[in-house]
């Protein structure tokens, strides 16, 4: 018997941003944009790496390590192994949060179709 699994709840509030970063993978590096960000991860738009790939985000002299959790042809969700607590990328997150009210967190059952994976 298979049990239905639900996604794990988010531990950190995502914040909409627009930040240009360099993504470095094992064999490739490219420019992309962070579209939403939290202390625990980011939505990267522009190109993608395969799911489960390890990568680095380079921004403002800071290197943030991550793992691709899901991937589509032009976007990917990256989870950070350590929460962002300082550095230039964290500063941009703090600034973005001070300018915008946080979005209410929505569940898949509510049919949320914001940033993240596409729902067809």
PDB file of N, CA and C in Angstrom:
ATOM      1  N   UNK A   1       0.834  -1.169   0.000  1.00  0.00           N
ATOM      2  CA  UNK A   1       0.000   0.000   0.000  1.00  0.00           C
ATOM      3  C   UNK A   1       0.890   1.246   0.000  1.00  0.00           C
ATOM      4  N   UNK A   2       0.601   2.180  -0.923  1.00  0.00           N
ATOM      5  CA  UNK A   2       1.360   3.417  -0.973  1.00  0.00           C
ATOM      6  C   UNK A   2       0.623   4.509  -0.235  1.00  0.00           C
ATOM      7  N   UNK A   3       1.357   5.265   0.532  1.00  0.00           N
ATOM      8  CA  UNK A   3       0.766   6.387   1.237  1.00  0.00           C
ATOM      9  C   UNK A   3       0.970   7.646   0.415  1.00  0.00           C
ATOM     10  N   UNK A   4      -0.032   8.471   0.390  1.00  0.00           N
ATOM     11  CA  UNK A   4       0.100   9.750  -0.313  1.00  0.00           C
ATOM     12  C   UNK A   4       1.027  10.649   0.495  1.00  0.00           C
ATOM     13  N   UNK A   5       1.955  11.281  -0.207  1.00  0.00           N
ATOM     14  CA  UNK A   5       2.862  12.182   0.489  1.00  0.00           C
ATOM     15  C   UNK A   5       2.522  13.610   0.124  1.00  0.00           C
ATOM     16  N   UNK A   6       2.654  14.475   1.066  1.00  0.00           N
ATOM     17  CA  UNK A   6       2.437  15.895   0.814  1.00  0.00           C
ATOM     18  C   UNK A   6       3.768  16.611   0.948  1.00  0.00           C
ATOM     19  N   UNK A   7       3.931  17.732   0.249  1.00  0.00           N
ATOM     20  CA  UNK A   7       5.183  18.449   0.355  1.00  0.00           C
ATOM     21  C   UNK A   7       5.416  18.913   1.787  1.00  0.00           C
ATOM     22  N   UNK A   8       6.680  19.007   2.151  1.00  0.00           N
ATOM     23  CA  UNK A   8       7.012  19.486   3.483  1.00  0.00           C
ATOM     24  C   UNK A   8       6.654  20.969   3.587  1.00  0.00           C
ATOM     25  N   UNK A   9       6.181  21.395   4.731  1.00  0.00           N
ATOM     26  CA  UNK A   9       5.855  22.814   4.886  1.00  0.00           C
ATOM     27  C   UNK A   9       7.128  23.661   4.818  1.00  0.00           C
ATOM     28  N   UNK A  10       7.007  24.866   4.305  1.00  0.00           N
ATOM     29  CA  UNK A  10       8.148  25.775   4.220  1.00  0.00           C
ATOM     30  C   UNK A  10       8.495  26.271   5.614  1.00  0.00           C
ATOM     31  N   UNK A  11       9.776  26.320   5.876  1.00  0.00           N
ATOM     32  CA  UNK A  11      10.234  26.808   7.161  1.00  0.00           C
ATOM     33  C   UNK A  11      10.459  28.315   7.130  1.00  0.00           C
ATOM     34  N   UNK A  12      10.706  28.867   5.946  1.00  0.00           N
ATOM     35  CA  UNK A  12      11.005  30.282   5.814  1.00  0.00           C
ATOM     36  C   UNK A  12      10.040  30.942   4.834  1.00  0.00           C
ATOM     37  N   UNK A  13       9.701  32.186   5.097  1.00  0.00           N
ATOM     38  CA  UNK A  13       8.813  32.955   4.229  1.00  0.00           C
ATOM     39  C   UNK A  13       9.549  33.365   2.965  1.00  0.00           C
ATOM     40  N   UNK A  14       8.988  33.043   1.799  1.00  0.00           N
ATOM     41  CA  UNK A  14       9.577  33.462   0.528  1.00  0.00           C
ATOM     42  C   UNK A  14       9.242  34.918   0.277  1.00  0.00           C
ATOM     43  N   UNK A  15      10.186  35.615  -0.349  1.00  0.00           N
ATOM     44  CA  UNK A  15      10.006  37.023  -0.665  1.00  0.00           C
ATOM     45  C   UNK A  15      10.339  37.234  -2.129  1.00  0.00           C
ATOM     46  N   UNK A  16       9.479  37.953  -2.836  1.00  0.00           N
ATOM     47  CA  UNK A  16       9.701  38.237  -4.243  1.00  0.00           C
ATOM     48  C   UNK A  16      10.852  39.233  -4.381  1.00  0.00           C
ATOM     49  N   UNK A  17      11.822  38.877  -5.229  1.00  0.00           N
ATOM     50  CA  UNK A  17      12.983  39.729  -5.489  1.00  0.00           C
ATOM     51  C   UNK A  17      13.310  39.651  -6.974  1.00  0.00           C
ATOM     52  N   UNK A  18      14.240  40.462  -7.412  1.00  0.00           N
ATOM     53  CA  UNK A  18      14.782  40.371  -8.763  1.00  0.00           C
ATOM     54  C   UNK A  18      16.274  40.650  -8.644  1.00  0.00           C
ATOM     55  N   UNK A  19      17.049  39.583  -8.561  1.00  0.00           N
ATOM     56  CA  UNK A  19      18.481  39.690  -8.304  1.00  0.00           C
ATOM     57  C   UNK A  19      19.227  38.893  -9.363  1.00  0.00           C
ATOM     58  N   UNK A  20      20.141  39.534 -10.072  1.00  0.00           N
ATOM     59  CA  UNK A  20      20.972  38.841 -11.058  1.00  0.00           C
ATOM     60  C   UNK A  20      22.104  38.128 -10.331  1.00  0.00           C
ATOM     61  N   UNK A  21      22.281  36.850 -10.641  1.00  0.00           N
ATOM     62  CA  UNK A  21      23.334  36.038 -10.033  1.00  0.00           C
ATOM     63  C   UNK A  21      24.034  35.233 -11.121  1.00  0.00           C
ATOM     64  N   UNK A  22      25.190  34.717 -10.783  1.00  0.00           N
ATOM     65  CA  UNK A  22      25.866  33.741 -11.631  1.00  0.00           C
ATOM     66  C   UNK A  22      25.686  32.383 -10.976  1.00  0.00           C
ATOM     67  N   UNK A  23      25.188  31.420 -11.730  1.00  0.00           N
ATOM     68  CA  UNK A  23      25.006  30.059 -11.238  1.00  0.00           C
ATOM     69  C   UNK A  23      26.151  29.218 -11.788  1.00  0.00           C
ATOM     70  N   UNK A  24      26.838  28.508 -10.905  1.00  0.00           N
ATOM     71  CA  UNK A  24      27.959  27.677 -11.311  1.00  0.00           C
ATOM     72  C   UNK A  24      27.633  26.232 -10.960  1.00  0.00           C
ATOM     73  N   UNK A  25      27.640  25.377 -11.984  1.00  0.00           N
ATOM     74  CA  UNK A  25      27.460  23.947 -11.788  1.00  0.00           C
ATOM     75  C   UNK A  25      28.784  23.240 -12.025  1.00  0.00           C
ATOM     76  N   UNK A  26      28.768  21.945 -12.095  1.00  0.00           N
ATOM     77  CA  UNK A  26      29.992  21.172 -12.292  1.00  0.00           C
ATOM     78  C   UNK A  26      30.602  21.466 -13.662  1.00  0.00           C
ATOM     79  N   UNK A  27      29.781  21.502 -14.706  1.00  0.00           N
ATOM     80  CA  UNK A  27      30.291  21.676 -16.061  1.00  0.00           C
ATOM     81  C   UNK A  27      29.852  22.969 -16.721  1.00  0.00           C
ATOM     82  N   UNK A  28      29.085  23.801 -16.040  1.00  0.00           N
ATOM     83  CA  UNK A  28      28.472  24.945 -16.694  1.00  0.00           C
ATOM     84  C   UNK A  28      28.380  26.106 -15.718  1.00  0.00           C
ATOM     85  N   UNK A  29      28.415  27.314 -16.250  1.00  0.00           N
ATOM     86  CA  UNK A  29      28.073  28.484 -15.454  1.00  0.00           C
ATOM     87  C   UNK A  29      27.281  29.432 -16.344  1.00  0.00           C
ATOM     88  N   UNK A  30      26.323  30.139 -15.752  1.00  0.00           N
ATOM     89  CA  UNK A  30      25.456  31.011 -16.533  1.00  0.00           C
ATOM     90  C   UNK A  30      24.870  32.092 -15.645  1.00  0.00           C
ATOM     91  N   UNK A  31      24.421  33.164 -16.296  1.00  0.00           N
ATOM     92  CA  UNK A  31      23.737  34.252 -15.612  1.00  0.00           C
ATOM     93  C   UNK A  31      22.254  33.897 -15.512  1.00  0.00           C
ATOM     94  N   UNK A  32      21.654  34.219 -14.375  1.00  0.00           N
ATOM     95  CA  UNK A  32      20.237  33.949 -14.157  1.00  0.00           C
ATOM     96  C   UNK A  32      19.710  34.971 -13.158  1.00  0.00           C
ATOM     97  N   UNK A  33      18.427  34.871 -12.831  1.00  0.00           N
ATOM     98  CA  UNK A  33      17.795  35.786 -11.878  1.00  0.00           C
ATOM     99  C   UNK A  33      17.159  35.003 -10.744  1.00  0.00           C
ATOM    100  N   UNK A  34      17.321  35.514  -9.541  1.00  0.00           N
ATOM    101  CA  UNK A  34      16.587  34.989  -8.392  1.00  0.00           C
ATOM    102  C   UNK A  34      15.251  35.719  -8.378  1.00  0.00           C
ATOM    103  N   UNK A  35      14.152  34.967  -8.472  1.00  0.00           N
ATOM    104  CA  UNK A  35      12.813  35.557  -8.518  1.00  0.00           C
ATOM    105  C   UNK A  35      12.138  35.560  -7.157  1.00  0.00           C
ATOM    106  N   UNK A  36      12.441  34.586  -6.337  1.00  0.00           N
ATOM    107  CA  UNK A  36      12.018  34.656  -4.946  1.00  0.00           C
ATOM    108  C   UNK A  36      13.073  33.993  -4.086  1.00  0.00           C
ATOM    109  N   UNK A  37      13.137  34.463  -2.840  1.00  0.00           N
ATOM    110  CA  UNK A  37      14.260  34.116  -1.979  1.00  0.00           C
ATOM    111  C   UNK A  37      13.774  33.973  -0.553  1.00  0.00           C
ATOM    112  N   UNK A  38      14.364  33.030   0.157  1.00  0.00           N
ATOM    113  CA  UNK A  38      14.175  32.916   1.597  1.00  0.00           C
ATOM    114  C   UNK A  38      15.525  32.540   2.189  1.00  0.00           C
ATOM    115  N   UNK A  39      15.579  32.433   3.483  1.00  0.00           N
ATOM    116  CA  UNK A  39      16.825  32.030   4.124  1.00  0.00           C
ATOM    117  C   UNK A  39      17.221  30.613   3.729  1.00  0.00           C
ATOM    118  N   UNK A  40      16.251  29.811   3.294  1.00  0.00           N
ATOM    119  CA  UNK A  40      16.507  28.406   3.003  1.00  0.00           C
ATOM    120  C   UNK A  40      16.638  28.035   1.547  1.00  0.00           C
ATOM    121  N   UNK A  41      16.340  28.968   0.611  1.00  0.00           N
ATOM    122  CA  UNK A  41      16.425  28.598  -0.787  1.00  0.00           C
ATOM    123  C   UNK A  41      15.991  29.710  -1.710  1.00  0.00           C
ATOM    124  N   UNK A  42      15.979  29.394  -3.015  1.00  0.00           N
ATOM    125  CA  UNK A  42      15.664  30.407  -4.016  1.00  0.00           C
ATOM    126  C   UNK A  42      15.018  29.773  -5.240  1.00  0.00           C
ATOM    127  N   UNK A  43      14.211  30.585  -5.919  1.00  0.00           N
ATOM    128  CA  UNK A  43      13.695  30.229  -7.239  1.00  0.00           C
ATOM    129  C   UNK A  43      14.571  30.947  -8.247  1.00  0.00           C
ATOM    130  N   UNK A  44      15.241  30.187  -9.109  1.00  0.00           N
ATOM    131  CA  UNK A  44      16.143  30.732 -10.116  1.00  0.00           C
ATOM    132  C   UNK A  44      15.455  30.637 -11.467  1.00  0.00           C
ATOM    133  N   UNK A  45      15.427  31.761 -12.203  1.00  0.00           N
ATOM    134  CA  UNK A  45      14.785  31.804 -13.511  1.00  0.00           C
ATOM    135  C   UNK A  45      15.815  32.199 -14.566  1.00  0.00           C
ATOM    136  N   UNK A  46      15.707  31.590 -15.712  1.00  0.00           N
ATOM    137  CA  UNK A  46      16.580  31.916 -16.841  1.00  0.00           C
ATOM    138  C   UNK A  46      17.114  30.663 -17.506  1.00  0.00           C
ATOM    139  N   UNK A  47      17.668  29.788 -16.737  1.00  0.00           N
ATOM    140  CA  UNK A  47      18.134  28.471 -17.182  1.00  0.00           C
ATOM    141  C   UNK A  47      18.040  27.540 -15.994  1.00  0.00           C
ATOM    142  N   UNK A  48      18.433  26.310 -16.198  1.00  0.00           N
ATOM    143  CA  UNK A  48      18.354  25.376 -15.074  1.00  0.00           C
ATOM    144  C   UNK A  48      19.434  24.321 -15.166  1.00  0.00           C
ATOM    145  N   UNK A  49      19.607  23.647 -14.063  1.00  0.00           N
ATOM    146  CA  UNK A  49      20.463  22.471 -13.948  1.00  0.00           C
ATOM    147  C   UNK A  49      19.550  21.295 -13.605  1.00  0.00           C
ATOM    148  N   UNK A  50      20.025  20.072 -13.781  1.00  0.00           N
ATOM    149  CA  UNK A  50      19.177  18.921 -13.452  1.00  0.00           C
ATOM    150  C   UNK A  50      18.859  18.832 -11.954  1.00  0.00           C
ATOM    151  N   UNK A  51      17.720  18.257 -11.639  1.00  0.00           N
ATOM    152  CA  UNK A  51      17.354  18.023 -10.241  1.00  0.00           C
ATOM    153  C   UNK A  51      18.450  17.209  -9.561  1.00  0.00           C
ATOM    154  N   UNK A  52      18.717  17.515  -8.317  1.00  0.00           N
ATOM    155  CA  UNK A  52      19.716  16.901  -7.450  1.00  0.00           C
ATOM    156  C   UNK A  52      21.142  17.378  -7.731  1.00  0.00           C
ATOM    157  N   UNK A  53      21.315  18.254  -8.732  1.00  0.00           N
ATOM    158  CA  UNK A  53      22.653  18.782  -9.026  1.00  0.00           C
ATOM    159  C   UNK A  53      23.070  19.740  -7.915  1.00  0.00           C
ATOM    160  N   UNK A  54      24.346  19.762  -7.641  1.00  0.00           N
ATOM    161  CA  UNK A  54      24.903  20.732  -6.700  1.00  0.00           C
ATOM    162  C   UNK A  54      25.302  21.966  -7.495  1.00  0.00           C
ATOM    163  N   UNK A  55      25.158  23.135  -6.886  1.00  0.00           N
ATOM    164  CA  UNK A  55      25.514  24.367  -7.584  1.00  0.00           C
ATOM    165  C   UNK A  55      25.980  25.416  -6.588  1.00  0.00           C
ATOM    166  N   UNK A  56      26.474  26.505  -7.154  1.00  0.00           N
ATOM    167  CA  UNK A  56      26.860  27.665  -6.370  1.00  0.00           C
ATOM    168  C   UNK A  56      26.158  28.876  -6.963  1.00  0.00           C
ATOM    169  N   UNK A  57      25.707  29.782  -6.106  1.00  0.00           N
ATOM    170  CA  UNK A  57      25.196  31.075  -6.551  1.00  0.00           C
ATOM    171  C   UNK A  57      26.245  32.109  -6.170  1.00  0.00           C
ATOM    172  N   UNK A  58      26.679  32.897  -7.141  1.00  0.00           N
ATOM    173  CA  UNK A  58      27.666  33.936  -6.896  1.00  0.00           C
ATOM    174  C   UNK A  58      26.966  35.282  -6.980  1.00  0.00           C
ATOM    175  N   UNK A  59      27.080  36.072  -5.892  1.00  0.00           N
ATOM    176  CA  UNK A  59      26.466  37.392  -5.866  1.00  0.00           C
ATOM    177  C   UNK A  59      27.270  38.296  -4.932  1.00  0.00           C
ATOM    178  N   UNK A  60      27.700  39.430  -5.450  1.00  0.00           N
ATOM    179  CA  UNK A  60      28.377  40.430  -4.627  1.00  0.00           C
ATOM    180  C   UNK A  60      29.593  39.925  -3.889  1.00  0.00           C
ATOM    181  N   UNK A  61      30.338  39.008  -4.493  1.00  0.00           N
ATOM    182  CA  UNK A  61      31.519  38.454  -3.838  1.00  0.00           C
ATOM    183  C   UNK A  61      31.231  37.306  -2.888  1.00  0.00           C
ATOM    184  N   UNK A  62      29.980  36.965  -2.728  1.00  0.00           N
ATOM    185  CA  UNK A  62      29.570  35.869  -1.851  1.00  0.00           C
ATOM    186  C   UNK A  62      29.265  34.635  -2.690  1.00  0.00           C
ATOM    187  N   UNK A  63      29.589  33.469  -2.163  1.00  0.00           N
ATOM    188  CA  UNK A  63      29.255  32.197  -2.807  1.00  0.00           C
ATOM    189  C   UNK A  63      28.309  31.450  -1.878  1.00  0.00           C
ATOM    190  N   UNK A  64      27.134  31.099  -2.411  1.00  0.00           N
ATOM    191  CA  UNK A  64      26.138  30.347  -1.649  1.00  0.00           C
ATOM    192  C   UNK A  64      25.988  28.988  -2.307  1.00  0.00           C
ATOM    193  N   UNK A  65      26.180  27.940  -1.555  1.00  0.00           N
ATOM    194  CA  UNK A  65      26.047  26.584  -2.076  1.00  0.00           C
ATOM    195  C   UNK A  65      24.588  26.162  -2.044  1.00  0.00           C
ATOM    196  N   UNK A  66      24.200  25.301  -2.990  1.00  0.00           N
ATOM    197  CA  UNK A  66      22.824  24.838  -3.035  1.00  0.00           C
ATOM    198  C   UNK A  66      22.686  23.516  -3.753  1.00  0.00           C
ATOM    199  N   UNK A  67      21.506  22.926  -3.617  1.00  0.00           N
ATOM    200  CA  UNK A  67      21.136  21.703  -4.308  1.00  0.00           C
ATOM    201  C   UNK A  67      19.848  21.964  -5.069  1.00  0.00           C
ATOM    202  N   UNK A  68      19.814  21.580  -6.327  1.00  0.00           N
ATOM    203  CA  UNK A  68      18.611  21.754  -7.143  1.00  0.00           C
ATOM    204  C   UNK A  68      17.575  20.727  -6.690  1.00  0.00           C
ATOM    205  N   UNK A  69      16.436  21.208  -6.204  1.00  0.00           N
ATOM    206  CA  UNK A  69      15.394  20.321  -5.698  1.00  0.00           C
ATOM    207  C   UNK A  69      14.419  19.912  -6.796  1.00  0.00           C
ATOM    208  N   UNK A  70      14.163  20.810  -7.741  1.00  0.00           N
ATOM    209  CA  UNK A  70      13.315  20.517  -8.893  1.00  0.00           C
ATOM    210  C   UNK A  70      13.802  21.405 -10.030  1.00  0.00           C
ATOM    211  N   UNK A  71      13.502  20.975 -11.262  1.00  0.00           N
ATOM    212  CA  UNK A  71      14.022  21.696 -12.413  1.00  0.00           C
ATOM    213  C   UNK A  71      13.052  21.625 -13.578  1.00  0.00           C
ATOM    214  N   UNK A  72      12.867  22.737 -14.262  1.00  0.00           N
ATOM    215  CA  UNK A  72      12.150  22.816 -15.522  1.00  0.00           C
ATOM    216  C   UNK A  72      13.098  23.473 -16.509  1.00  0.00           C
ATOM    217  N   UNK A  73      12.717  23.578 -17.770  1.00  0.00           N
ATOM    218  CA  UNK A  73      13.663  24.043 -18.778  1.00  0.00           C
ATOM    219  C   UNK A  73      14.188  25.451 -18.528  1.00  0.00           C
ATOM    220  N   UNK A  74      13.438  26.315 -17.855  1.00  0.00           N
ATOM    221  CA  UNK A  74      13.873  27.699 -17.668  1.00  0.00           C
ATOM    222  C   UNK A  74      13.845  28.166 -16.217  1.00  0.00           C
ATOM    223  N   UNK A  75      13.711  27.250 -15.269  1.00  0.00           N
ATOM    224  CA  UNK A  75      13.652  27.610 -13.855  1.00  0.00           C
ATOM    225  C   UNK A  75      13.988  26.410 -12.997  1.00  0.00           C
ATOM    226  N   UNK A  76      14.394  26.708 -11.772  1.00  0.00           N
ATOM    227  CA  UNK A  76      14.711  25.624 -10.840  1.00  0.00           C
ATOM    228  C   UNK A  76      14.583  26.133  -9.411  1.00  0.00           C
ATOM    229  N   UNK A  77      14.279  25.223  -8.537  1.00  0.00           N
ATOM    230  CA  UNK A  77      14.224  25.516  -7.112  1.00  0.00           C
ATOM    231  C   UNK A  77      15.494  25.022  -6.461  1.00  0.00           C
ATOM    232  N   UNK A  78      16.181  25.911  -5.755  1.00  0.00           N
ATOM    233  CA  UNK A  78      17.460  25.567  -5.114  1.00  0.00           C
ATOM    234  C   UNK A  78      17.299  25.680  -3.604  1.00  0.00           C
ATOM    235  N   UNK A  79      17.729  24.657  -2.887  1.00  0.00           N
ATOM    236  CA  UNK A  79      17.719  24.666  -1.424  1.00  0.00           C
ATOM    237  C   UNK A  79      19.151  24.874  -0.944  1.00  0.00           C
ATOM    238  N   UNK A  80      19.306  25.765   0.028  1.00  0.00           N
ATOM    239  CA  UNK A  80      20.616  26.014   0.617  1.00  0.00           C
ATOM    240  C   UNK A  80      20.841  25.040   1.768  1.00  0.00           C
ATOM    241  N   UNK A  81      22.060  24.469   1.892  1.00  0.00           N
ATOM    242  CA  UNK A  81      22.300  23.552   3.011  1.00  0.00           C
ATOM    243  C   UNK A  81      22.403  24.278   4.347  1.00  0.00           C
ATOM    244  N   UNK A  82      22.752  25.560   4.300  1.00  0.00           N
ATOM    245  CA  UNK A  82      22.839  26.381   5.503  1.00  0.00           C
ATOM    246  C   UNK A  82      22.014  27.637   5.257  1.00  0.00           C
ATOM    247  N   UNK A  83      21.249  28.061   6.236  1.00  0.00           N
ATOM    248  CA  UNK A  83      20.409  29.238   6.056  1.00  0.00           C
ATOM    249  C   UNK A  83      21.240  30.494   5.830  1.00  0.00           C
ATOM    250  N   UNK A  84      20.698  31.385   4.982  1.00  0.00           N
ATOM    251  CA  UNK A  84      21.314  32.696   4.783  1.00  0.00           C
ATOM    252  C   UNK A  84      21.143  33.499   6.069  1.00  0.00           C
ATOM    253  N   UNK A  85      22.240  33.953   6.623  1.00  0.00           N
ATOM    254  CA  UNK A  85      22.155  34.770   7.839  1.00  0.00           C
ATOM    255  C   UNK A  85      22.950  36.056   7.711  1.00  0.00           C
ATOM    256  N   UNK A  86      23.794  36.154   6.683  1.00  0.00           N
ATOM    257  CA  UNK A  86      24.573  37.371   6.474  1.00  0.00           C
ATOM    258  C   UNK A  86      25.060  37.420   5.034  1.00  0.00           C
ATOM    259  N   UNK A  87      25.738  38.497   4.693  1.00  0.00           N
ATOM    260  CA  UNK A  87      26.287  38.639   3.355  1.00  0.00           C
ATOM    261  C   UNK A  87      25.383  39.447   2.444  1.00  0.00           C
ATOM    262  N   UNK A  88      25.867  39.753   1.234  1.00  0.00           N
ATOM    263  CA  UNK A  88      25.131  40.605   0.302  1.00  0.00           C
ATOM    264  C   UNK A  88      23.756  40.070  -0.108  1.00  0.00           C
ATOM    265  N   UNK A  89      23.641  38.760  -0.324  1.00  0.00           N
ATOM    266  CA  UNK A  89      22.345  38.211  -0.727  1.00  0.00           C
ATOM    267  C   UNK A  89      21.336  38.316   0.415  1.00  0.00           C
ATOM    268  N   UNK A  90      21.777  38.055   1.636  1.00  0.00           N
ATOM    269  CA  UNK A  90      20.894  38.195   2.792  1.00  0.00           C
ATOM    270  C   UNK A  90      20.479  39.652   2.973  1.00  0.00           C
ATOM    271  N   UNK A  91      21.386  40.587   2.731  1.00  0.00           N
ATOM    272  CA  UNK A  91      21.044  41.996   2.819  1.00  0.00           C
ATOM    273  C   UNK A  91      19.942  42.363   1.830  1.00  0.00           C
ATOM    274  N   UNK A  92      20.035  41.840   0.602  1.00  0.00           N
ATOM    275  CA  UNK A  92      18.984  42.100  -0.399  1.00  0.00           C
ATOM    276  C   UNK A  92      17.647  41.528   0.061  1.00  0.00           C
ATOM    277  N   UNK A  93      17.668  40.377   0.712  1.00  0.00           N
ATOM    278  CA  UNK A  93      16.444  39.777   1.247  1.00  0.00           C
ATOM    279  C   UNK A  93      15.843  40.674   2.325  1.00  0.00           C
ATOM    280  N   UNK A  94      16.659  41.159   3.226  1.00  0.00           N
ATOM    281  CA  UNK A  94      16.191  42.038   4.302  1.00  0.00           C
ATOM    282  C   UNK A  94      15.586  43.311   3.716  1.00  0.00           C
ATOM    283  N   UNK A  95      16.246  43.894   2.728  1.00  0.00           N
ATOM    284  CA  UNK A  95      15.736  45.119   2.087  1.00  0.00           C
ATOM    285  C   UNK A  95      14.406  44.849   1.396  1.00  0.00           C
ATOM    286  N   UNK A  96      14.326  43.735   0.655  1.00  0.00           N
ATOM    287  CA  UNK A  96      13.077  43.395  -0.047  1.00  0.00           C
ATOM    288  C   UNK A  96      11.936  43.194   0.939  1.00  0.00           C
ATOM    289  N   UNK A  97      12.198  42.547   2.050  1.00  0.00           N
ATOM    290  CA  UNK A  97      11.143  42.326   3.044  1.00  0.00           C
ATOM    291  C   UNK A  97      10.701  43.628   3.698  1.00  0.00           C
ATOM    292  N   UNK A  98      11.612  44.561   3.855  1.00  0.00           N
ATOM    293  CA  UNK A  98      11.233  45.830   4.483  1.00  0.00           C
ATOM    294  C   UNK A  98      10.374  46.682   3.552  1.00  0.00           C
ATOM    295  N   UNK A  99      10.459  46.443   2.244  1.00  0.00           N
ATOM    296  CA  UNK A  99       9.704  47.225   1.264  1.00  0.00           C
ATOM    297  C   UNK A  99       8.344  46.626   0.942  1.00  0.00           C
ATOM    298  N   UNK A 100       8.182  45.341   1.177  1.00  0.00           N
ATOM    299  CA  UNK A 100       6.947  44.652   0.790  1.00  0.00           C
ATOM    300  C   UNK A 100       6.374  43.912   1.985  1.00  0.00           C
ATOM    301  N   UNK A 101       5.058  43.860   1.999  1.00  0.00           N
ATOM    302  CA  UNK A 101       4.422  43.006   2.990  1.00  0.00           C
ATOM    303  C   UNK A 101       4.632  41.563   2.570  1.00  0.00           C
ATOM    304  N   UNK A 102       4.824  40.645   3.505  1.00  0.00           N
ATOM    305  CA  UNK A 102       4.986  39.241   3.130  1.00  0.00           C
ATOM    306  C   UNK A 102       3.726  38.685   2.488  1.00  0.00           C
ATOM    307  N   UNK A 103       3.932  37.814   1.502  1.00  0.00           N
ATOM    308  CA  UNK A 103       2.801  37.140   0.868  1.00  0.00           C
ATOM    309  C   UNK A 103       2.269  36.081   1.814  1.00  0.00           C
ATOM    310  N   UNK A 104       0.950  35.911   1.872  1.00  0.00           N
ATOM    311  CA  UNK A 104       0.429  34.799   2.677  1.00  0.00           C
ATOM    312  C   UNK A 104       0.836  33.478   2.025  1.00  0.00           C
ATOM    313  N   UNK A 105       1.165  32.526   2.847  1.00  0.00           N
ATOM    314  CA  UNK A 105       1.557  31.221   2.316  1.00  0.00           C
ATOM    315  C   UNK A 105       0.295  30.477   1.904  1.00  0.00           C
ATOM    316  N   UNK A 106       0.310  29.909   0.708  1.00  0.00           N
ATOM    317  CA  UNK A 106      -0.850  29.198   0.182  1.00  0.00           C
ATOM    318  C   UNK A 106      -0.508  27.731   0.022  1.00  0.00           C
ATOM    319  N   UNK A 107      -1.487  26.908   0.134  1.00  0.00           N
ATOM    320  CA  UNK A 107      -1.257  25.476  -0.042  1.00  0.00           C
ATOM    321  C   UNK A 107      -1.640  25.076  -1.460  1.00  0.00           C
ATOM    322  N   UNK A 108      -1.169  23.925  -1.871  1.00  0.00           N
ATOM    323  CA  UNK A 108      -1.495  23.407  -3.200  1.00  0.00           C
ATOM    324  C   UNK A 108      -3.003  23.196  -3.336  1.00  0.00           C
ATOM    325  N   UNK A 109      -3.675  22.897  -2.229  1.00  0.00           N
ATOM    326  CA  UNK A 109      -5.119  22.661  -2.271  1.00  0.00           C
ATOM    327  C   UNK A 109      -5.891  23.925  -2.644  1.00  0.00           C
ATOM    328  N   UNK A 110      -5.276  25.100  -2.398  1.00  0.00           N
ATOM    329  CA  UNK A 110      -5.946  26.341  -2.733  1.00  0.00           C
ATOM    330  C   UNK A 110      -5.728  26.730  -4.189  1.00  0.00           C
ATOM    331  N   UNK A 111      -4.948  25.934  -4.932  1.00  0.00           N
ATOM    332  CA  UNK A 111      -4.725  26.217  -6.342  1.00  0.00           C
ATOM    333  C   UNK A 111      -3.788  27.380  -6.575  1.00  0.00           C
ATOM    334  N   UNK A 112      -2.860  27.604  -5.678  1.00  0.00           N
ATOM    335  CA  UNK A 112      -1.919  28.713  -5.807  1.00  0.00           C
ATOM    336  C   UNK A 112      -1.076  28.527  -7.053  1.00  0.00           C
ATOM    337  N   UNK A 113      -0.967  29.574  -7.863  1.00  0.00           N
ATOM    338  CA  UNK A 113      -0.185  29.459  -9.095  1.00  0.00           C
ATOM    339  C   UNK A 113       0.817  30.593  -9.214  1.00  0.00           C
ATOM    340  N   UNK A 114       1.487  30.925  -8.122  1.00  0.00           N
ATOM    341  CA  UNK A 114       2.492  31.982  -8.115  1.00  0.00           C
ATOM    342  C   UNK A 114       3.843  31.441  -8.560  1.00  0.00           C
ATOM    343  N   UNK A 115       4.875  31.964  -7.984  1.00  0.00           N
ATOM    344  CA  UNK A 115       6.221  31.508  -8.324  1.00  0.00           C
ATOM    345  C   UNK A 115       6.376  30.039  -7.992  1.00  0.00           C
ATOM    346  N   UNK A 116       7.326  29.427  -8.621  1.00  0.00           N
ATOM    347  CA  UNK A 116       7.615  28.022  -8.338  1.00  0.00           C
ATOM    348  C   UNK A 116       7.265  27.163  -9.512  1.00  0.00           C
ATOM    349  N   UNK A 117       6.971  25.940  -9.256  1.00  0.00           N
ATOM    350  CA  UNK A 117       6.649  25.008 -10.326  1.00  0.00           C
ATOM    351  C   UNK A 117       5.370  25.396 -11.025  1.00  0.00           C
ATOM    352  N   UNK A 118       5.349  25.143 -12.298  1.00  0.00           N
ATOM    353  CA  UNK A 118       4.136  25.417 -13.072  1.00  0.00           C
ATOM    354  C   UNK A 118       3.105  24.338 -12.793  1.00  0.00           C
ATOM    355  N   UNK A 119       1.873  24.729 -12.760  1.00  0.00           N
ATOM    356  CA  UNK A 119       0.772  23.776 -12.560  1.00  0.00           C
ATOM    357  C   UNK A 119      -0.072  23.822 -13.833  1.00  0.00           C
ATOM    358  N   UNK A 120      -0.069  22.723 -14.588  1.00  0.00           N
ATOM    359  CA  UNK A 120      -0.793  22.688 -15.878  1.00  0.00           C
ATOM    360  C   UNK A 120      -2.125  22.032 -15.715  1.00  0.00           C
TER     361      UNK A 120
END
